[in-house]
């Protein structure tokens, strides 16, 4: 059964290729603990039907999709992304005060 998770944080890199700009995604569990997984792990889970991810952007639900770069590399993007605008990159980095895991 597929489970749905809201992405609240990302770990960004200094890379310029779209498939390398984000290394990890994360969010908050119902019990207040946090979770994080690599972008590649998220892609595998989405493609296998294990997980679905979304963003809540200005009270609007935006599904996260698996996209393919011009170099044929898979990466995450939202259905509301437009050209070079990535809503995932607008999310905050993991807050320093939040313990991950």
PDB file of N, CA and C in Angstrom:
ATOM      1  N   UNK A   1       0.844  -1.187   0.000  1.00  0.00           N
ATOM      2  CA  UNK A   1       0.000   0.000   0.000  1.00  0.00           C
ATOM      3  C   UNK A   1       0.887   1.248   0.000  1.00  0.00           C
ATOM      4  N   UNK A   2       0.579   2.162  -0.861  1.00  0.00           N
ATOM      5  CA  UNK A   2       1.365   3.389  -0.980  1.00  0.00           C
ATOM      6  C   UNK A   2       1.027   4.350   0.151  1.00  0.00           C
ATOM      7  N   UNK A   3       2.066   4.968   0.720  1.00  0.00           N
ATOM      8  CA  UNK A   3       1.859   5.975   1.755  1.00  0.00           C
ATOM      9  C   UNK A   3       2.247   7.346   1.207  1.00  0.00           C
ATOM     10  N   UNK A   4       1.592   8.380   1.717  1.00  0.00           N
ATOM     11  CA  UNK A   4       1.781   9.746   1.243  1.00  0.00           C
ATOM     12  C   UNK A   4       2.494  10.569   2.305  1.00  0.00           C
ATOM     13  N   UNK A   5       3.465  11.382   1.869  1.00  0.00           N
ATOM     14  CA  UNK A   5       4.284  12.158   2.785  1.00  0.00           C
ATOM     15  C   UNK A   5       4.499  13.574   2.253  1.00  0.00           C
ATOM     16  N   UNK A   6       4.403  14.541   3.160  1.00  0.00           N
ATOM     17  CA  UNK A   6       4.657  15.936   2.793  1.00  0.00           C
ATOM     18  C   UNK A   6       6.146  16.235   2.952  1.00  0.00           C
ATOM     19  N   UNK A   7       6.741  16.799   1.914  1.00  0.00           N
ATOM     20  CA  UNK A   7       8.137  17.220   1.990  1.00  0.00           C
ATOM     21  C   UNK A   7       8.172  18.614   2.590  1.00  0.00           C
ATOM     22  N   UNK A   8       8.950  18.794   3.645  1.00  0.00           N
ATOM     23  CA  UNK A   8       9.055  20.078   4.335  1.00  0.00           C
ATOM     24  C   UNK A   8      10.445  20.684   4.240  1.00  0.00           C
ATOM     25  N   UNK A   9      11.477  19.839   4.045  1.00  0.00           N
ATOM     26  CA  UNK A   9      12.859  20.286   4.032  1.00  0.00           C
ATOM     27  C   UNK A   9      13.604  19.597   2.893  1.00  0.00           C
ATOM     28  N   UNK A  10      14.682  20.204   2.448  1.00  0.00           N
ATOM     29  CA  UNK A  10      15.579  19.569   1.483  1.00  0.00           C
ATOM     30  C   UNK A  10      17.018  19.828   1.904  1.00  0.00           C
ATOM     31  N   UNK A  11      17.881  18.958   1.481  1.00  0.00           N
ATOM     32  CA  UNK A  11      19.315  19.205   1.599  1.00  0.00           C
ATOM     33  C   UNK A  11      19.788  19.550   0.203  1.00  0.00           C
ATOM     34  N   UNK A  12      20.246  20.784   0.046  1.00  0.00           N
ATOM     35  CA  UNK A  12      20.692  21.261  -1.259  1.00  0.00           C
ATOM     36  C   UNK A  12      22.194  21.054  -1.410  1.00  0.00           C
ATOM     37  N   UNK A  13      22.617  20.952  -2.645  1.00  0.00           N
ATOM     38  CA  UNK A  13      24.036  20.849  -2.955  1.00  0.00           C
ATOM     39  C   UNK A  13      24.447  22.109  -3.712  1.00  0.00           C
ATOM     40  N   UNK A  14      25.695  22.207  -4.055  1.00  0.00           N
ATOM     41  CA  UNK A  14      26.184  23.329  -4.870  1.00  0.00           C
ATOM     42  C   UNK A  14      26.280  22.954  -6.342  1.00  0.00           C
ATOM     43  N   UNK A  15      25.699  21.834  -6.711  1.00  0.00           N
ATOM     44  CA  UNK A  15      25.766  21.359  -8.085  1.00  0.00           C
ATOM     45  C   UNK A  15      24.814  22.155  -8.983  1.00  0.00           C
ATOM     46  N   UNK A  16      25.071  22.148 -10.266  1.00  0.00           N
ATOM     47  CA  UNK A  16      24.240  22.919 -11.193  1.00  0.00           C
ATOM     48  C   UNK A  16      23.292  22.057 -12.023  1.00  0.00           C
ATOM     49  N   UNK A  17      23.572  20.768 -12.150  1.00  0.00           N
ATOM     50  CA  UNK A  17      22.677  19.896 -12.909  1.00  0.00           C
ATOM     51  C   UNK A  17      21.402  19.656 -12.111  1.00  0.00           C
ATOM     52  N   UNK A  18      20.253  19.661 -12.799  1.00  0.00           N
ATOM     53  CA  UNK A  18      18.966  19.544 -12.106  1.00  0.00           C
ATOM     54  C   UNK A  18      18.857  18.271 -11.279  1.00  0.00           C
ATOM     55  N   UNK A  19      19.477  17.192 -11.707  1.00  0.00           N
ATOM     56  CA  UNK A  19      19.381  15.942 -10.951  1.00  0.00           C
ATOM     57  C   UNK A  19      20.341  15.898  -9.765  1.00  0.00           C
ATOM     58  N   UNK A  20      21.198  16.908  -9.607  1.00  0.00           N
ATOM     59  CA  UNK A  20      22.173  16.915  -8.515  1.00  0.00           C
ATOM     60  C   UNK A  20      21.974  18.073  -7.539  1.00  0.00           C
ATOM     61  N   UNK A  21      20.984  18.927  -7.746  1.00  0.00           N
ATOM     62  CA  UNK A  21      20.785  20.101  -6.891  1.00  0.00           C
ATOM     63  C   UNK A  21      20.281  19.751  -5.501  1.00  0.00           C
ATOM     64  N   UNK A  22      19.578  18.629  -5.364  1.00  0.00           N
ATOM     65  CA  UNK A  22      19.033  18.193  -4.077  1.00  0.00           C
ATOM     66  C   UNK A  22      19.583  16.809  -3.772  1.00  0.00           C
ATOM     67  N   UNK A  23      20.126  16.634  -2.566  1.00  0.00           N
ATOM     68  CA  UNK A  23      20.636  15.311  -2.201  1.00  0.00           C
ATOM     69  C   UNK A  23      19.614  14.523  -1.386  1.00  0.00           C
ATOM     70  N   UNK A  24      18.848  15.215  -0.499  1.00  0.00           N
ATOM     71  CA  UNK A  24      17.896  14.550   0.386  1.00  0.00           C
ATOM     72  C   UNK A  24      16.618  15.378   0.502  1.00  0.00           C
ATOM     73  N   UNK A  25      15.542  14.692   0.815  1.00  0.00           N
ATOM     74  CA  UNK A  25      14.280  15.351   1.144  1.00  0.00           C
ATOM     75  C   UNK A  25      13.890  14.893   2.547  1.00  0.00           C
ATOM     76  N   UNK A  26      13.018  15.652   3.194  1.00  0.00           N
ATOM     77  CA  UNK A  26      12.590  15.261   4.529  1.00  0.00           C
ATOM     78  C   UNK A  26      11.298  15.927   4.933  1.00  0.00           C
ATOM     79  N   UNK A  27      10.785  15.482   6.048  1.00  0.00           N
ATOM     80  CA  UNK A  27       9.542  16.030   6.558  1.00  0.00           C
ATOM     81  C   UNK A  27       9.361  15.683   8.021  1.00  0.00           C
ATOM     82  N   UNK A  28       8.133  15.873   8.482  1.00  0.00           N
ATOM     83  CA  UNK A  28       7.804  15.660   9.890  1.00  0.00           C
ATOM     84  C   UNK A  28       6.727  14.585   9.983  1.00  0.00           C
ATOM     85  N   UNK A  29       6.988  13.597  10.827  1.00  0.00           N
ATOM     86  CA  UNK A  29       6.025  12.520  11.065  1.00  0.00           C
ATOM     87  C   UNK A  29       4.896  13.018  11.965  1.00  0.00           C
ATOM     88  N   UNK A  30       3.759  12.308  11.999  1.00  0.00           N
ATOM     89  CA  UNK A  30       2.649  12.706  12.873  1.00  0.00           C
ATOM     90  C   UNK A  30       3.041  12.823  14.348  1.00  0.00           C
ATOM     91  N   UNK A  31       4.048  12.056  14.784  1.00  0.00           N
ATOM     92  CA  UNK A  31       4.461  12.123  16.189  1.00  0.00           C
ATOM     93  C   UNK A  31       5.452  13.253  16.463  1.00  0.00           C
ATOM     94  N   UNK A  32       5.773  14.056  15.431  1.00  0.00           N
ATOM     95  CA  UNK A  32       6.688  15.184  15.605  1.00  0.00           C
ATOM     96  C   UNK A  32       8.135  14.863  15.285  1.00  0.00           C
ATOM     97  N   UNK A  33       8.471  13.593  15.131  1.00  0.00           N
ATOM     98  CA  UNK A  33       9.838  13.237  14.735  1.00  0.00           C
ATOM     99  C   UNK A  33      10.023  13.565  13.249  1.00  0.00           C
ATOM    100  N   UNK A  34      11.254  13.630  12.819  1.00  0.00           N
ATOM    101  CA  UNK A  34      11.518  13.957  11.422  1.00  0.00           C
ATOM    102  C   UNK A  34      12.009  12.739  10.661  1.00  0.00           C
ATOM    103  N   UNK A  35      11.880  12.811   9.351  1.00  0.00           N
ATOM    104  CA  UNK A  35      12.398  11.762   8.480  1.00  0.00           C
ATOM    105  C   UNK A  35      13.205  12.420   7.372  1.00  0.00           C
ATOM    106  N   UNK A  36      14.145  11.674   6.825  1.00  0.00           N
ATOM    107  CA  UNK A  36      14.883  12.123   5.658  1.00  0.00           C
ATOM    108  C   UNK A  36      15.326  10.924   4.844  1.00  0.00           C
ATOM    109  N   UNK A  37      15.312  11.072   3.536  1.00  0.00           N
ATOM    110  CA  UNK A  37      15.806  10.037   2.635  1.00  0.00           C
ATOM    111  C   UNK A  37      16.512  10.722   1.474  1.00  0.00           C
ATOM    112  N   UNK A  38      17.364   9.982   0.819  1.00  0.00           N
ATOM    113  CA  UNK A  38      18.059  10.543  -0.340  1.00  0.00           C
ATOM    114  C   UNK A  38      17.076  10.703  -1.500  1.00  0.00           C
ATOM    115  N   UNK A  39      17.431  11.587  -2.415  1.00  0.00           N
ATOM    116  CA  UNK A  39      16.594  11.771  -3.601  1.00  0.00           C
ATOM    117  C   UNK A  39      16.482  10.446  -4.362  1.00  0.00           C
ATOM    118  N   UNK A  40      17.565   9.718  -4.488  1.00  0.00           N
ATOM    119  CA  UNK A  40      17.537   8.446  -5.217  1.00  0.00           C
ATOM    120  C   UNK A  40      16.646   7.416  -4.527  1.00  0.00           C
ATOM    121  N   UNK A  41      16.689   7.373  -3.206  1.00  0.00           N
ATOM    122  CA  UNK A  41      15.827   6.462  -2.455  1.00  0.00           C
ATOM    123  C   UNK A  41      14.356   6.843  -2.654  1.00  0.00           C
ATOM    124  N   UNK A  42      14.071   8.142  -2.661  1.00  0.00           N
ATOM    125  CA  UNK A  42      12.697   8.610  -2.891  1.00  0.00           C
ATOM    126  C   UNK A  42      12.210   8.199  -4.279  1.00  0.00           C
ATOM    127  N   UNK A  43      13.068   8.358  -5.267  1.00  0.00           N
ATOM    128  CA  UNK A  43      12.704   7.978  -6.642  1.00  0.00           C
ATOM    129  C   UNK A  43      12.389   6.484  -6.717  1.00  0.00           C
ATOM    130  N   UNK A  44      13.240   5.661  -6.129  1.00  0.00           N
ATOM    131  CA  UNK A  44      12.996   4.211  -6.135  1.00  0.00           C
ATOM    132  C   UNK A  44      11.673   3.875  -5.452  1.00  0.00           C
ATOM    133  N   UNK A  45      11.399   4.515  -4.307  1.00  0.00           N
ATOM    134  CA  UNK A  45      10.152   4.268  -3.599  1.00  0.00           C
ATOM    135  C   UNK A  45       8.927   4.723  -4.372  1.00  0.00           C
ATOM    136  N   UNK A  46       9.053   5.830  -5.083  1.00  0.00           N
ATOM    137  CA  UNK A  46       7.933   6.318  -5.894  1.00  0.00           C
ATOM    138  C   UNK A  46       7.678   5.392  -7.081  1.00  0.00           C
ATOM    139  N   UNK A  47       8.752   4.981  -7.730  1.00  0.00           N
ATOM    140  CA  UNK A  47       8.597   4.117  -8.903  1.00  0.00           C
ATOM    141  C   UNK A  47       8.078   2.728  -8.547  1.00  0.00           C
ATOM    142  N   UNK A  48       8.366   2.269  -7.349  1.00  0.00           N
ATOM    143  CA  UNK A  48       7.879   0.954  -6.921  1.00  0.00           C
ATOM    144  C   UNK A  48       6.448   1.015  -6.383  1.00  0.00           C
ATOM    145  N   UNK A  49       5.923   2.243  -6.199  1.00  0.00           N
ATOM    146  CA  UNK A  49       4.576   2.401  -5.665  1.00  0.00           C
ATOM    147  C   UNK A  49       4.518   2.431  -4.151  1.00  0.00           C
ATOM    148  N   UNK A  50       5.675   2.477  -3.496  1.00  0.00           N
ATOM    149  CA  UNK A  50       5.730   2.484  -2.037  1.00  0.00           C
ATOM    150  C   UNK A  50       5.337   3.836  -1.453  1.00  0.00           C
ATOM    151  N   UNK A  51       5.786   4.934  -2.082  1.00  0.00           N
ATOM    152  CA  UNK A  51       5.556   6.277  -1.543  1.00  0.00           C
ATOM    153  C   UNK A  51       5.016   7.231  -2.590  1.00  0.00           C
ATOM    154  N   UNK A  52       4.303   8.237  -2.108  1.00  0.00           N
ATOM    155  CA  UNK A  52       3.931   9.399  -2.897  1.00  0.00           C
ATOM    156  C   UNK A  52       4.308  10.608  -2.053  1.00  0.00           C
ATOM    157  N   UNK A  53       4.869  11.639  -2.677  1.00  0.00           N
ATOM    158  CA  UNK A  53       5.273  12.843  -1.963  1.00  0.00           C
ATOM    159  C   UNK A  53       4.531  14.045  -2.528  1.00  0.00           C
ATOM    160  N   UNK A  54       4.378  15.063  -1.682  1.00  0.00           N
ATOM    161  CA  UNK A  54       3.729  16.290  -2.120  1.00  0.00           C
ATOM    162  C   UNK A  54       4.299  17.471  -1.347  1.00  0.00           C
ATOM    163  N   UNK A  55       4.020  18.662  -1.867  1.00  0.00           N
ATOM    164  CA  UNK A  55       4.324  19.916  -1.181  1.00  0.00           C
ATOM    165  C   UNK A  55       3.019  20.626  -0.926  1.00  0.00           C
ATOM    166  N   UNK A  56       2.983  21.414   0.123  1.00  0.00           N
ATOM    167  CA  UNK A  56       1.862  22.300   0.379  1.00  0.00           C
ATOM    168  C   UNK A  56       2.389  23.709   0.127  1.00  0.00           C
ATOM    169  N   UNK A  57       2.054  24.257  -1.024  1.00  0.00           N
ATOM    170  CA  UNK A  57       2.587  25.553  -1.446  1.00  0.00           C
ATOM    171  C   UNK A  57       1.456  26.570  -1.480  1.00  0.00           C
ATOM    172  N   UNK A  58       1.464  27.491  -0.515  1.00  0.00           N
ATOM    173  CA  UNK A  58       0.401  28.496  -0.427  1.00  0.00           C
ATOM    174  C   UNK A  58      -0.980  27.842  -0.407  1.00  0.00           C
ATOM    175  N   UNK A  59      -1.100  26.827   0.440  1.00  0.00           N
ATOM    176  CA  UNK A  59      -2.358  26.087   0.604  1.00  0.00           C
ATOM    177  C   UNK A  59      -2.756  25.318  -0.648  1.00  0.00           C
ATOM    178  N   UNK A  60      -1.843  25.156  -1.593  1.00  0.00           N
ATOM    179  CA  UNK A  60      -2.121  24.376  -2.792  1.00  0.00           C
ATOM    180  C   UNK A  60      -1.286  23.109  -2.773  1.00  0.00           C
ATOM    181  N   UNK A  61      -1.934  21.989  -3.026  1.00  0.00           N
ATOM    182  CA  UNK A  61      -1.292  20.681  -3.046  1.00  0.00           C
ATOM    183  C   UNK A  61      -0.552  20.517  -4.369  1.00  0.00           C
ATOM    184  N   UNK A  62       0.726  20.154  -4.326  1.00  0.00           N
ATOM    185  CA  UNK A  62       1.503  19.905  -5.532  1.00  0.00           C
ATOM    186  C   UNK A  62       2.213  18.565  -5.400  1.00  0.00           C
ATOM    187  N   UNK A  63       1.831  17.629  -6.254  1.00  0.00           N
ATOM    188  CA  UNK A  63       2.472  16.311  -6.233  1.00  0.00           C
ATOM    189  C   UNK A  63       3.926  16.416  -6.681  1.00  0.00           C
ATOM    190  N   UNK A  64       4.747  15.562  -6.116  1.00  0.00           N
ATOM    191  CA  UNK A  64       6.139  15.458  -6.538  1.00  0.00           C
ATOM    192  C   UNK A  64       6.216  14.326  -7.555  1.00  0.00           C
ATOM    193  N   UNK A  65       6.910  14.601  -8.646  1.00  0.00           N
ATOM    194  CA  UNK A  65       7.023  13.665  -9.756  1.00  0.00           C
ATOM    195  C   UNK A  65       8.478  13.280  -9.978  1.00  0.00           C
ATOM    196  N   UNK A  66       8.688  12.181 -10.675  1.00  0.00           N
ATOM    197  CA  UNK A  66      10.025  11.803 -11.112  1.00  0.00           C
ATOM    198  C   UNK A  66      10.197  12.343 -12.527  1.00  0.00           C
ATOM    199  N   UNK A  67      11.214  13.177 -12.707  1.00  0.00           N
ATOM    200  CA  UNK A  67      11.510  13.750 -14.015  1.00  0.00           C
ATOM    201  C   UNK A  67      12.829  13.176 -14.517  1.00  0.00           C
ATOM    202  N   UNK A  68      13.106  13.403 -15.790  1.00  0.00           N
ATOM    203  CA  UNK A  68      14.355  12.928 -16.386  1.00  0.00           C
ATOM    204  C   UNK A  68      15.078  14.126 -16.996  1.00  0.00           C
ATOM    205  N   UNK A  69      16.334  14.290 -16.616  1.00  0.00           N
ATOM    206  CA  UNK A  69      17.152  15.411 -17.088  1.00  0.00           C
ATOM    207  C   UNK A  69      17.566  15.186 -18.545  1.00  0.00           C
ATOM    208  N   UNK A  70      18.095  16.221 -19.203  1.00  0.00           N
ATOM    209  CA  UNK A  70      18.617  16.045 -20.565  1.00  0.00           C
ATOM    210  C   UNK A  70      19.734  14.992 -20.641  1.00  0.00           C
ATOM    211  N   UNK A  71      20.393  14.742 -19.517  1.00  0.00           N
ATOM    212  CA  UNK A  71      21.441  13.720 -19.463  1.00  0.00           C
ATOM    213  C   UNK A  71      20.877  12.341 -19.119  1.00  0.00           C
ATOM    214  N   UNK A  72      19.556  12.206 -19.139  1.00  0.00           N
ATOM    215  CA  UNK A  72      18.858  10.949 -18.841  1.00  0.00           C
ATOM    216  C   UNK A  72      19.009  10.516 -17.384  1.00  0.00           C
ATOM    217  N   UNK A  73      19.192  11.472 -16.469  1.00  0.00           N
ATOM    218  CA  UNK A  73      19.276  11.197 -15.037  1.00  0.00           C
ATOM    219  C   UNK A  73      17.945  11.555 -14.379  1.00  0.00           C
ATOM    220  N   UNK A  74      17.462  10.719 -13.486  1.00  0.00           N
ATOM    221  CA  UNK A  74      16.191  10.970 -12.807  1.00  0.00           C
ATOM    222  C   UNK A  74      16.391  11.920 -11.628  1.00  0.00           C
ATOM    223  N   UNK A  75      15.361  12.759 -11.392  1.00  0.00           N
ATOM    224  CA  UNK A  75      15.361  13.678 -10.263  1.00  0.00           C
ATOM    225  C   UNK A  75      13.927  14.004  -9.895  1.00  0.00           C
ATOM    226  N   UNK A  76      13.738  14.667  -8.748  1.00  0.00           N
ATOM    227  CA  UNK A  76      12.402  15.033  -8.274  1.00  0.00           C
ATOM    228  C   UNK A  76      12.043  16.446  -8.683  1.00  0.00           C
ATOM    229  N   UNK A  77      10.792  16.626  -9.054  1.00  0.00           N
ATOM    230  CA  UNK A  77      10.240  17.956  -9.320  1.00  0.00           C
ATOM    231  C   UNK A  77       8.766  17.925  -8.970  1.00  0.00           C
ATOM    232  N   UNK A  78       8.149  19.088  -8.877  1.00  0.00           N
ATOM    233  CA  UNK A  78       6.712  19.113  -8.569  1.00  0.00           C
ATOM    234  C   UNK A  78       5.925  19.361  -9.845  1.00  0.00           C
ATOM    235  N   UNK A  79       4.652  19.052  -9.776  1.00  0.00           N
ATOM    236  CA  UNK A  79       3.797  19.260 -10.946  1.00  0.00           C
ATOM    237  C   UNK A  79       3.588  20.745 -11.231  1.00  0.00           C
ATOM    238  N   UNK A  80       3.899  21.624 -10.277  1.00  0.00           N
ATOM    239  CA  UNK A  80       3.748  23.065 -10.477  1.00  0.00           C
ATOM    240  C   UNK A  80       5.045  23.758 -10.900  1.00  0.00           C
ATOM    241  N   UNK A  81       6.146  23.003 -11.008  1.00  0.00           N
ATOM    242  CA  UNK A  81       7.401  23.612 -11.455  1.00  0.00           C
ATOM    243  C   UNK A  81       7.234  24.136 -12.878  1.00  0.00           C
ATOM    244  N   UNK A  82       7.883  25.251 -13.148  1.00  0.00           N
ATOM    245  CA  UNK A  82       7.786  25.869 -14.461  1.00  0.00           C
ATOM    246  C   UNK A  82       9.180  26.281 -14.917  1.00  0.00           C
ATOM    247  N   UNK A  83       9.593  25.786 -16.061  1.00  0.00           N
ATOM    248  CA  UNK A  83      10.925  26.061 -16.618  1.00  0.00           C
ATOM    249  C   UNK A  83      11.995  25.780 -15.570  1.00  0.00           C
ATOM    250  N   UNK A  84      12.752  26.784 -15.165  1.00  0.00           N
ATOM    251  CA  UNK A  84      13.829  26.571 -14.196  1.00  0.00           C
ATOM    252  C   UNK A  84      13.393  26.771 -12.751  1.00  0.00           C
ATOM    253  N   UNK A  85      12.138  27.105 -12.518  1.00  0.00           N
ATOM    254  CA  UNK A  85      11.654  27.295 -11.153  1.00  0.00           C
ATOM    255  C   UNK A  85      11.386  25.935 -10.518  1.00  0.00           C
ATOM    256  N   UNK A  86      12.076  25.644  -9.431  1.00  0.00           N
ATOM    257  CA  UNK A  86      11.873  24.400  -8.703  1.00  0.00           C
ATOM    258  C   UNK A  86      11.317  24.730  -7.327  1.00  0.00           C
ATOM    259  N   UNK A  87      10.092  24.333  -7.072  1.00  0.00           N
ATOM    260  CA  UNK A  87       9.496  24.579  -5.764  1.00  0.00           C
ATOM    261  C   UNK A  87      10.246  23.842  -4.665  1.00  0.00           C
ATOM    262  N   UNK A  88      10.816  22.688  -4.971  1.00  0.00           N
ATOM    263  CA  UNK A  88      11.594  21.967  -3.966  1.00  0.00           C
ATOM    264  C   UNK A  88      12.791  22.788  -3.504  1.00  0.00           C
ATOM    265  N   UNK A  89      13.425  23.506  -4.433  1.00  0.00           N
ATOM    266  CA  UNK A  89      14.581  24.320  -4.060  1.00  0.00           C
ATOM    267  C   UNK A  89      14.199  25.537  -3.238  1.00  0.00           C
ATOM    268  N   UNK A  90      12.922  25.889  -3.216  1.00  0.00           N
ATOM    269  CA  UNK A  90      12.450  27.002  -2.398  1.00  0.00           C
ATOM    270  C   UNK A  90      12.181  26.576  -0.952  1.00  0.00           C
ATOM    271  N   UNK A  91      12.134  25.277  -0.714  1.00  0.00           N
ATOM    272  CA  UNK A  91      11.940  24.794   0.656  1.00  0.00           C
ATOM    273  C   UNK A  91      13.182  25.086   1.489  1.00  0.00           C
ATOM    274  N   UNK A  92      13.002  25.207   2.799  1.00  0.00           N
ATOM    275  CA  UNK A  92      14.176  25.467   3.651  1.00  0.00           C
ATOM    276  C   UNK A  92      15.082  24.246   3.749  1.00  0.00           C
ATOM    277  N   UNK A  93      16.347  24.527   4.047  1.00  0.00           N
ATOM    278  CA  UNK A  93      17.271  23.455   4.406  1.00  0.00           C
ATOM    279  C   UNK A  93      16.812  22.889   5.734  1.00  0.00           C
ATOM    280  N   UNK A  94      17.301  21.706   6.082  1.00  0.00           N
ATOM    281  CA  UNK A  94      16.969  21.139   7.374  1.00  0.00           C
ATOM    282  C   UNK A  94      17.337  22.134   8.463  1.00  0.00           C
ATOM    283  N   UNK A  95      16.411  22.443   9.347  1.00  0.00           N
ATOM    284  CA  UNK A  95      16.732  23.369  10.449  1.00  0.00           C
ATOM    285  C   UNK A  95      17.789  22.762  11.360  1.00  0.00           C
ATOM    286  N   UNK A  96      18.701  23.590  11.818  1.00  0.00           N
ATOM    287  CA  UNK A  96      19.773  23.111  12.678  1.00  0.00           C
ATOM    288  C   UNK A  96      19.248  22.549  13.995  1.00  0.00           C
ATOM    289  N   UNK A  97      18.146  23.072  14.494  1.00  0.00           N
ATOM    290  CA  UNK A  97      17.661  22.619  15.796  1.00  0.00           C
ATOM    291  C   UNK A  97      16.868  21.316  15.717  1.00  0.00           C
ATOM    292  N   UNK A  98      16.546  20.858  14.522  1.00  0.00           N
ATOM    293  CA  UNK A  98      15.781  19.623  14.380  1.00  0.00           C
ATOM    294  C   UNK A  98      16.750  18.456  14.276  1.00  0.00           C
ATOM    295  N   UNK A  99      16.568  17.460  15.132  1.00  0.00           N
ATOM    296  CA  UNK A  99      17.391  16.251  15.080  1.00  0.00           C
ATOM    297  C   UNK A  99      16.780  15.309  14.050  1.00  0.00           C
ATOM    298  N   UNK A 100      17.562  14.926  13.079  1.00  0.00           N
ATOM    299  CA  UNK A 100      17.063  14.052  12.030  1.00  0.00           C
ATOM    300  C   UNK A 100      17.192  12.603  12.444  1.00  0.00           C
ATOM    301  N   UNK A 101      16.270  11.787  11.923  1.00  0.00           N
ATOM    302  CA  UNK A 101      16.389  10.356  12.174  1.00  0.00           C
ATOM    303  C   UNK A 101      15.222   9.749  12.815  1.00  0.00           C
TER     304      UNK A 101
END
